Amino acid sequence: MFLGVNNGGFPAKPGKEELGYRSFVTVPQSITVKPYVYKLNAKGQLFRDNTGKLAKHYFKDLEMRIYQR
């Protein structure tokens, strides 16, 4: 379930991503944080995948899960 809300999926400005979140209908047992950066083409412009969405590079080693107590 993706709950992030930003300015249409585009980075706010280079090096900064601004996200706001809606509240959960029910409190989840855990939340997984998956850090990423947008991929760039050879010209340094944002790269789009085959569906037209901005392509992302995920950092699996930095992924973490936060559990409710």
PDB file of N, CA and C in Angstrom:
ATOM      1  N   MET A   1       0.847  -1.177   0.000  1.00  0.00           N
ATOM      2  CA  MET A   1       0.000   0.000   0.000  1.00  0.00           C
ATOM      3  C   MET A   1       0.889   1.237   0.000  1.00  0.00           C
ATOM      4  N   PHE A   2       0.778   2.088  -0.973  1.00  0.00           N
ATOM      5  CA  PHE A   2       1.557   3.318  -1.044  1.00  0.00           C
ATOM      6  C   PHE A   2       0.722   4.456  -0.493  1.00  0.00           C
ATOM      7  N   LEU A   3       1.251   5.136   0.495  1.00  0.00           N
ATOM      8  CA  LEU A   3       0.505   6.220   1.114  1.00  0.00           C
ATOM      9  C   LEU A   3       1.148   7.582   0.907  1.00  0.00           C
ATOM     10  N   GLY A   4       2.277   7.616   0.203  1.00  0.00           N
ATOM     11  CA  GLY A   4       2.959   8.881  -0.003  1.00  0.00           C
ATOM     12  C   GLY A   4       2.194   9.786  -0.951  1.00  0.00           C
ATOM     13  N   VAL A   5       2.245  11.053  -0.691  1.00  0.00           N
ATOM     14  CA  VAL A   5       1.596  12.046  -1.545  1.00  0.00           C
ATOM     15  C   VAL A   5       2.619  13.150  -1.783  1.00  0.00           C
ATOM     16  N   ASN A   6       2.941  13.390  -3.041  1.00  0.00           N
ATOM     17  CA  ASN A   6       3.858  14.486  -3.321  1.00  0.00           C
ATOM     18  C   ASN A   6       3.338  15.274  -4.506  1.00  0.00           C
ATOM     19  N   ASN A   7       4.187  16.001  -5.174  1.00  0.00           N
ATOM     20  CA  ASN A   7       3.762  16.872  -6.264  1.00  0.00           C
ATOM     21  C   ASN A   7       3.702  16.122  -7.589  1.00  0.00           C
ATOM     22  N   GLY A   8       2.819  15.161  -7.710  1.00  0.00           N
ATOM     23  CA  GLY A   8       2.619  14.440  -8.966  1.00  0.00           C
ATOM     24  C   GLY A   8       3.675  13.412  -9.275  1.00  0.00           C
ATOM     25  N   GLY A   9       4.469  12.982  -8.305  1.00  0.00           N
ATOM     26  CA  GLY A   9       5.479  11.976  -8.536  1.00  0.00           C
ATOM     27  C   GLY A   9       6.823  12.529  -8.957  1.00  0.00           C
ATOM     28  N   PHE A  10       6.944  13.851  -9.049  1.00  0.00           N
ATOM     29  CA  PHE A  10       8.204  14.456  -9.458  1.00  0.00           C
ATOM     30  C   PHE A  10       8.974  14.934  -8.239  1.00  0.00           C
ATOM     31  N   PRO A  11      10.300  14.852  -8.283  1.00  0.00           N
ATOM     32  CA  PRO A  11      11.088  15.372  -7.164  1.00  0.00           C
ATOM     33  C   PRO A  11      10.852  16.872  -7.002  1.00  0.00           C
ATOM     34  N   ALA A  12      10.818  17.349  -5.764  1.00  0.00           N
ATOM     35  CA  ALA A  12      10.594  18.769  -5.490  1.00  0.00           C
ATOM     36  C   ALA A  12      11.722  19.602  -6.097  1.00  0.00           C
ATOM     37  N   LYS A  13      12.947  19.196  -5.866  1.00  0.00           N
ATOM     38  CA  LYS A  13      14.125  19.794  -6.486  1.00  0.00           C
ATOM     39  C   LYS A  13      15.263  18.796  -6.315  1.00  0.00           C
ATOM     40  N   PRO A  14      16.326  18.924  -7.081  1.00  0.00           N
ATOM     41  CA  PRO A  14      17.407  17.930  -7.008  1.00  0.00           C
ATOM     42  C   PRO A  14      17.884  17.689  -5.580  1.00  0.00           C
ATOM     43  N   GLY A  15      17.973  16.419  -5.207  1.00  0.00           N
ATOM     44  CA  GLY A  15      18.465  16.049  -3.886  1.00  0.00           C
ATOM     45  C   GLY A  15      17.448  16.119  -2.777  1.00  0.00           C
ATOM     46  N   LYS A  16      16.179  16.422  -3.108  1.00  0.00           N
ATOM     47  CA  LYS A  16      15.180  16.559  -2.049  1.00  0.00           C
ATOM     48  C   LYS A  16      13.851  15.963  -2.512  1.00  0.00           C
ATOM     49  N   GLU A  17      13.261  15.161  -1.671  1.00  0.00           N
ATOM     50  CA  GLU A  17      11.957  14.572  -1.946  1.00  0.00           C
ATOM     51  C   GLU A  17      11.037  14.960  -0.804  1.00  0.00           C
ATOM     52  N   GLU A  18       9.912  15.550  -1.108  1.00  0.00           N
ATOM     53  CA  GLU A  18       8.961  15.947  -0.078  1.00  0.00           C
ATOM     54  C   GLU A  18       7.743  15.049  -0.157  1.00  0.00           C
ATOM     55  N   LEU A  19       7.438  14.399   0.944  1.00  0.00           N
ATOM     56  CA  LEU A  19       6.283  13.505   0.996  1.00  0.00           C
ATOM     57  C   LEU A  19       5.420  13.851   2.200  1.00  0.00           C
ATOM     58  N   GLY A  20       4.137  13.733   2.017  1.00  0.00           N
ATOM     59  CA  GLY A  20       3.188  13.843   3.109  1.00  0.00           C
ATOM     60  C   GLY A  20       2.436  12.520   3.150  1.00  0.00           C
ATOM     61  N   TYR A  21       1.857  12.184   4.260  1.00  0.00           N
ATOM     62  CA  TYR A  21       1.184  10.894   4.378  1.00  0.00           C
ATOM     63  C   TYR A  21      -0.218  11.056   4.949  1.00  0.00           C
ATOM     64  N   ARG A  22      -1.120  10.265   4.421  1.00  0.00           N
ATOM     65  CA  ARG A  22      -2.479  10.199   4.969  1.00  0.00           C
ATOM     66  C   ARG A  22      -2.457   9.253   6.168  1.00  0.00           C
ATOM     67  N   SER A  23      -3.416   9.397   7.058  1.00  0.00           N
ATOM     68  CA  SER A  23      -3.482   8.489   8.202  1.00  0.00           C
ATOM     69  C   SER A  23      -4.012   7.134   7.746  1.00  0.00           C
ATOM     70  N   PHE A  24      -3.674   6.102   8.500  1.00  0.00           N
ATOM     71  CA  PHE A  24      -4.127   4.750   8.190  1.00  0.00           C
ATOM     72  C   PHE A  24      -5.568   4.554   8.657  1.00  0.00           C
ATOM     73  N   VAL A  25      -6.327   3.783   7.922  1.00  0.00           N
ATOM     74  CA  VAL A  25      -7.677   3.431   8.345  1.00  0.00           C
ATOM     75  C   VAL A  25      -7.581   2.543   9.587  1.00  0.00           C
ATOM     76  N   THR A  26      -6.703   1.535   9.535  1.00  0.00           N
ATOM     77  CA  THR A  26      -6.383   0.709  10.699  1.00  0.00           C
ATOM     78  C   THR A  26      -4.865   0.755  10.865  1.00  0.00           C
ATOM     79  N   VAL A  27      -4.394   0.658  12.086  1.00  0.00           N
ATOM     80  CA  VAL A  27      -2.958   0.740  12.357  1.00  0.00           C
ATOM     81  C   VAL A  27      -2.278  -0.546  11.885  1.00  0.00           C
ATOM     82  N   PRO A  28      -1.280  -0.434  11.008  1.00  0.00           N
ATOM     83  CA  PRO A  28      -0.596  -1.637  10.522  1.00  0.00           C
ATOM     84  C   PRO A  28       0.333  -2.196  11.593  1.00  0.00           C
ATOM     85  N   GLN A  29       0.666  -3.484  11.471  1.00  0.00           N
ATOM     86  CA  GLN A  29       1.602  -4.095  12.413  1.00  0.00           C
ATOM     87  C   GLN A  29       3.031  -3.657  12.118  1.00  0.00           C
ATOM     88  N   SER A  30       3.310  -3.330  10.858  1.00  0.00           N
ATOM     89  CA  SER A  30       4.644  -2.855  10.503  1.00  0.00           C
ATOM     90  C   SER A  30       4.570  -1.961   9.270  1.00  0.00           C
ATOM     91  N   ILE A  31       5.632  -1.177   9.066  1.00  0.00           N
ATOM     92  CA  ILE A  31       5.781  -0.321   7.896  1.00  0.00           C
ATOM     93  C   ILE A  31       7.179  -0.584   7.342  1.00  0.00           C
ATOM     94  N   THR A  32       7.289  -0.782   6.032  1.00  0.00           N
ATOM     95  CA  THR A  32       8.585  -0.994   5.403  1.00  0.00           C
ATOM     96  C   THR A  32       9.022   0.285   4.702  1.00  0.00           C
ATOM     97  N   VAL A  33      10.248   0.729   5.006  1.00  0.00           N
ATOM     98  CA  VAL A  33      10.832   1.921   4.395  1.00  0.00           C
ATOM     99  C   VAL A  33      11.805   1.443   3.314  1.00  0.00           C
ATOM    100  N   LYS A  34      11.592   1.902   2.073  1.00  0.00           N
ATOM    101  CA  LYS A  34      12.414   1.487   0.943  1.00  0.00           C
ATOM    102  C   LYS A  34      13.047   2.725   0.298  1.00  0.00           C
ATOM    103  N   PRO A  35      14.269   3.073   0.724  1.00  0.00           N
ATOM    104  CA  PRO A  35      14.927   4.266   0.170  1.00  0.00           C
ATOM    105  C   PRO A  35      15.229   4.105  -1.322  1.00  0.00           C
ATOM    106  N   TYR A  36      15.102   5.204  -2.065  1.00  0.00           N
ATOM    107  CA  TYR A  36      15.386   5.171  -3.497  1.00  0.00           C
ATOM    108  C   TYR A  36      15.829   6.536  -3.986  1.00  0.00           C
ATOM    109  N   VAL A  37      16.410   6.539  -5.180  1.00  0.00           N
ATOM    110  CA  VAL A  37      16.711   7.771  -5.913  1.00  0.00           C
ATOM    111  C   VAL A  37      16.138   7.593  -7.308  1.00  0.00           C
ATOM    112  N   TYR A  38      15.829   8.696  -7.970  1.00  0.00           N
ATOM    113  CA  TYR A  38      15.356   8.625  -9.348  1.00  0.00           C
ATOM    114  C   TYR A  38      16.543   8.375 -10.266  1.00  0.00           C
ATOM    115  N   LYS A  39      16.347   7.549 -11.284  1.00  0.00           N
ATOM    116  CA  LYS A  39      17.392   7.269 -12.268  1.00  0.00           C
ATOM    117  C   LYS A  39      17.492   8.426 -13.252  1.00  0.00           C
ATOM    118  N   LEU A  40      18.717   8.667 -13.710  1.00  0.00           N
ATOM    119  CA  LEU A  40      18.975   9.726 -14.678  1.00  0.00           C
ATOM    120  C   LEU A  40      19.498   9.122 -15.976  1.00  0.00           C
ATOM    121  N   ASN A  41      19.220   9.787 -17.097  1.00  0.00           N
ATOM    122  CA  ASN A  41      19.776   9.338 -18.375  1.00  0.00           C
ATOM    123  C   ASN A  41      21.169   9.934 -18.552  1.00  0.00           C
ATOM    124  N   ALA A  42      21.800   9.690 -19.700  1.00  0.00           N
ATOM    125  CA  ALA A  42      23.165  10.158 -19.964  1.00  0.00           C
ATOM    126  C   ALA A  42      23.274  11.677 -19.925  1.00  0.00           C
ATOM    127  N   LYS A  43      22.179  12.387 -20.193  1.00  0.00           N
ATOM    128  CA  LYS A  43      22.181  13.853 -20.180  1.00  0.00           C
ATOM    129  C   LYS A  43      21.885  14.425 -18.788  1.00  0.00           C
ATOM    130  N   GLY A  44      21.682  13.539 -17.800  1.00  0.00           N
ATOM    131  CA  GLY A  44      21.389  13.987 -16.442  1.00  0.00           C
ATOM    132  C   GLY A  44      19.930  14.326 -16.209  1.00  0.00           C
ATOM    133  N   GLN A  45      19.061  13.940 -17.151  1.00  0.00           N
ATOM    134  CA  GLN A  45      17.629  14.193 -17.011  1.00  0.00           C
ATOM    135  C   GLN A  45      16.959  12.966 -16.397  1.00  0.00           C
ATOM    136  N   LEU A  46      15.806  13.194 -15.767  1.00  0.00           N
ATOM    137  CA  LEU A  46      15.068  12.081 -15.173  1.00  0.00           C
ATOM    138  C   LEU A  46      14.692  11.063 -16.243  1.00  0.00           C
ATOM    139  N   PHE A  47      14.916   9.784 -15.929  1.00  0.00           N
ATOM    140  CA  PHE A  47      14.656   8.691 -16.858  1.00  0.00           C
ATOM    141  C   PHE A  47      13.271   8.121 -16.600  1.00  0.00           C
ATOM    142  N   ARG A  48      12.538   7.844 -17.657  1.00  0.00           N
ATOM    143  CA  ARG A  48      11.198   7.238 -17.545  1.00  0.00           C
ATOM    144  C   ARG A  48      11.241   5.798 -18.044  1.00  0.00           C
ATOM    145  N   ASP A  49      10.473   4.929 -17.376  1.00  0.00           N
ATOM    146  CA  ASP A  49      10.408   3.525 -17.794  1.00  0.00           C
ATOM    147  C   ASP A  49       9.453   3.372 -18.975  1.00  0.00           C
ATOM    148  N   ASN A  50       9.186   2.122 -19.370  1.00  0.00           N
ATOM    149  CA  ASN A  50       8.332   1.845 -20.529  1.00  0.00           C
ATOM    150  C   ASN A  50       6.893   2.322 -20.355  1.00  0.00           C
ATOM    151  N   THR A  51       6.452   2.497 -19.114  1.00  0.00           N
ATOM    152  CA  THR A  51       5.082   2.935 -18.857  1.00  0.00           C
ATOM    153  C   THR A  51       4.988   4.455 -18.711  1.00  0.00           C
ATOM    154  N   GLY A  52       6.125   5.147 -18.785  1.00  0.00           N
ATOM    155  CA  GLY A  52       6.127   6.599 -18.659  1.00  0.00           C
ATOM    156  C   GLY A  52       6.332   7.106 -17.243  1.00  0.00           C
ATOM    157  N   LYS A  53       6.468   6.187 -16.280  1.00  0.00           N
ATOM    158  CA  LYS A  53       6.697   6.589 -14.892  1.00  0.00           C
ATOM    159  C   LYS A  53       8.185   6.847 -14.678  1.00  0.00           C
ATOM    160  N   LEU A  54       8.493   7.712 -13.717  1.00  0.00           N
ATOM    161  CA  LEU A  54       9.887   7.964 -13.391  1.00  0.00           C
ATOM    162  C   LEU A  54      10.508   6.686 -12.840  1.00  0.00           C
ATOM    163  N   ALA A  55      11.662   6.301 -13.396  1.00  0.00           N
ATOM    164  CA  ALA A  55      12.351   5.091 -12.960  1.00  0.00           C
ATOM    165  C   ALA A  55      13.085   5.368 -11.654  1.00  0.00           C
ATOM    166  N   LYS A  56      13.072   4.392 -10.754  1.00  0.00           N
ATOM    167  CA  LYS A  56      13.711   4.536  -9.444  1.00  0.00           C
ATOM    168  C   LYS A  56      14.761   3.454  -9.256  1.00  0.00           C
ATOM    169  N   HIS A  57      15.798   3.799  -8.501  1.00  0.00           N
ATOM    170  CA  HIS A  57      16.804   2.821  -8.094  1.00  0.00           C
ATOM    171  C   HIS A  57      16.658   2.641  -6.589  1.00  0.00           C
ATOM    172  N   TYR A  58      16.306   1.423  -6.158  1.00  0.00           N
ATOM    173  CA  TYR A  58      16.107   1.134  -4.744  1.00  0.00           C
ATOM    174  C   TYR A  58      17.398   0.653  -4.111  1.00  0.00           C
ATOM    175  N   PHE A  59      17.608   1.013  -2.852  1.00  0.00           N
ATOM    176  CA  PHE A  59      18.774   0.585  -2.089  1.00  0.00           C
ATOM    177  C   PHE A  59      18.341  -0.504  -1.106  1.00  0.00           C
ATOM    178  N   LYS A  60      18.399  -1.745  -1.564  1.00  0.00           N
ATOM    179  CA  LYS A  60      17.927  -2.887  -0.778  1.00  0.00           C
ATOM    180  C   LYS A  60      18.656  -2.968   0.579  1.00  0.00           C
ATOM    181  N   ASP A  61      19.953  -2.652   0.603  1.00  0.00           N
ATOM    182  CA  ASP A  61      20.716  -2.736   1.853  1.00  0.00           C
ATOM    183  C   ASP A  61      20.251  -1.736   2.908  1.00  0.00           C
ATOM    184  N   LEU A  62      19.582  -0.671   2.501  1.00  0.00           N
ATOM    185  CA  LEU A  62      19.101   0.349   3.441  1.00  0.00           C
ATOM    186  C   LEU A  62      17.639   0.153   3.828  1.00  0.00           C
ATOM    187  N   GLU A  63      16.980  -0.838   3.232  1.00  0.00           N
ATOM    188  CA  GLU A  63      15.565  -1.095   3.525  1.00  0.00           C
ATOM    189  C   GLU A  63      15.407  -1.514   4.979  1.00  0.00           C
ATOM    190  N   MET A  64      14.346  -1.026   5.621  1.00  0.00           N
ATOM    191  CA  MET A  64      14.090  -1.419   7.004  1.00  0.00           C
ATOM    192  C   MET A  64      12.589  -1.546   7.258  1.00  0.00           C
ATOM    193  N   ARG A  65      12.271  -2.360   8.212  1.00  0.00           N
ATOM    194  CA  ARG A  65      10.881  -2.551   8.618  1.00  0.00           C
ATOM    195  C   ARG A  65      10.734  -2.050  10.038  1.00  0.00           C
ATOM    196  N   ILE A  66       9.701  -1.237  10.268  1.00  0.00           N
ATOM    197  CA  ILE A  66       9.420  -0.679  11.592  1.00  0.00           C
ATOM    198  C   ILE A  66       8.174  -1.381  12.117  1.00  0.00           C
ATOM    199  N   TYR A  67       8.285  -1.962  13.305  1.00  0.00           N
ATOM    200  CA  TYR A  67       7.188  -2.718  13.895  1.00  0.00           C
ATOM    201  C   TYR A  67       6.499  -1.936  15.001  1.00  0.00           C
ATOM    202  N   GLN A  68       5.207  -2.148  15.122  1.00  0.00           N
ATOM    203  CA  GLN A  68       4.434  -1.549  16.207  1.00  0.00           C
ATOM    204  C   GLN A  68       4.677  -2.366  17.468  1.00  0.00           C
ATOM    205  N   ARG A  69       4.742  -1.707  18.595  1.00  0.00           N
ATOM    206  CA  ARG A  69       4.911  -2.415  19.880  1.00  0.00           C
ATOM    207  C   ARG A  69       3.589  -2.722  20.493  1.00  0.00           C
TER     208      ARG A  69
END
